[in-house]
């Protein structure tokens, strides 16, 4: 099996349903014999390039096709998209992109389309579309930046056309890999040396025990990872855990914990003392927490299965010094690494916001006087961010906002939390709000 064939197979399965990373990983696992690392990397790059540019690719193909791409046989459509993506966005020479596409369409049993694929790819690849070709702001977002119409409308409404376009352009920017040093086992200096010894390029991050790492392969393939000396965690996610301000000996609650990155950061800040309860609503994901704790040598944490949207009397009976609500969200801030989110229809947002509000209300109910509550999401949708926090503050006069312990250049103070927009901070889109309950000795964020 060639890399191109595998990528097209994955694209066909992606059209049916599923998360892009899971679809691709499944195809790579099924491939026998396994693709060499370089070929697997090419297949992944091709797969994701098509997903990132799908609407624009279809627009380019549609200039010459006799019928819309959506009405073509699925294998032919996928091959055309993949061929055009290679020629226009991956610097593959046009003859190679065309010839390989003709071979592919035959391999998928569509030999009758070979001539059409040859001709249409050559014509479409000659186009050089620009954002200015789409004067209507919504059309520009949906076609040139390949966002669904509902998502384009939401971004334009909440941020204005100019800011929405800047954000959409930033969704194409690759994100570096950030890791959090496991201070229970090592130091930043020692981990840097260990990773460099394994062929990684390492640079310090914007706050202590944070590193930017370029891995030659998967981070999980390193010996340092097997020893539990770090976990991979994006900058905004690290910031949310830092804002909790967990301290040794405290009672800390992470309500939506899987796969466990924030809980690991909390346990390390607690120096593996006190009590950390890490909850997860999906029972099948609870073992991910336990495995992460075991790998990183964490003993103060206990994973449990629980629906954070339902009040738990047992949790309320023994209030916590710190509560983290990193709630399920639409994920509109992480489009750069999950391109299938580009095409969301946004149905069910009302129910999602209700779920988030319930989790935050419960989190506040588990908090001691003087305790700290952090609410965070990986979305840029204001309905899921500041509006959720504003509603809680209106109901709970004993809660007040505090500034985050750390921030990044370009972050926005929304009046109900801090917002990180990809084009302003160079990170994933993220929101964090730090709340404190009155009545205790702790009244300042540290």
Foldseek 3Di string as FASTA:
>chain_A
DFLQLLLLVLVLVVVVHDFSVVSLVVSQVPDVPHDPPVRSVVSVVLNVLCLQQVLQLQVLLVVPDPDGLVPDDSSLSSLLSSLLSCLAPVVDPNVVSLVVSLVNCVVVVNNVCSVVSNVSSVRSNVDDDDLVVDPPLLCSCCRVLPFASLVSVLLCVVPNSVVSVLLSVLLQPDDFWKKAFQPLVDAPVVVCVQQVVVVKDWDDDPDGRMIGIDHPDDPCPGPCVQQQGIDIDFPVLLLLLVQQQAAAAWEEEEAAAPLHPSVSSNCSRNSLHHAYEYEHQDPVNQVSNVVSCVSNVRDRYDYDHDQLLDADVVLLVAAGQTYEDADDDLLQQNCSPRVVSSHDPCPPRVVRLNSLLSNQVNRVSRHDAFHKYKYKYLHPRVSNAQVSQVVVCVVDVQKDWAARPDDAAQWDDPVAWIWDRCSRRVGGTMTMTMMHGHDDPHDHRD
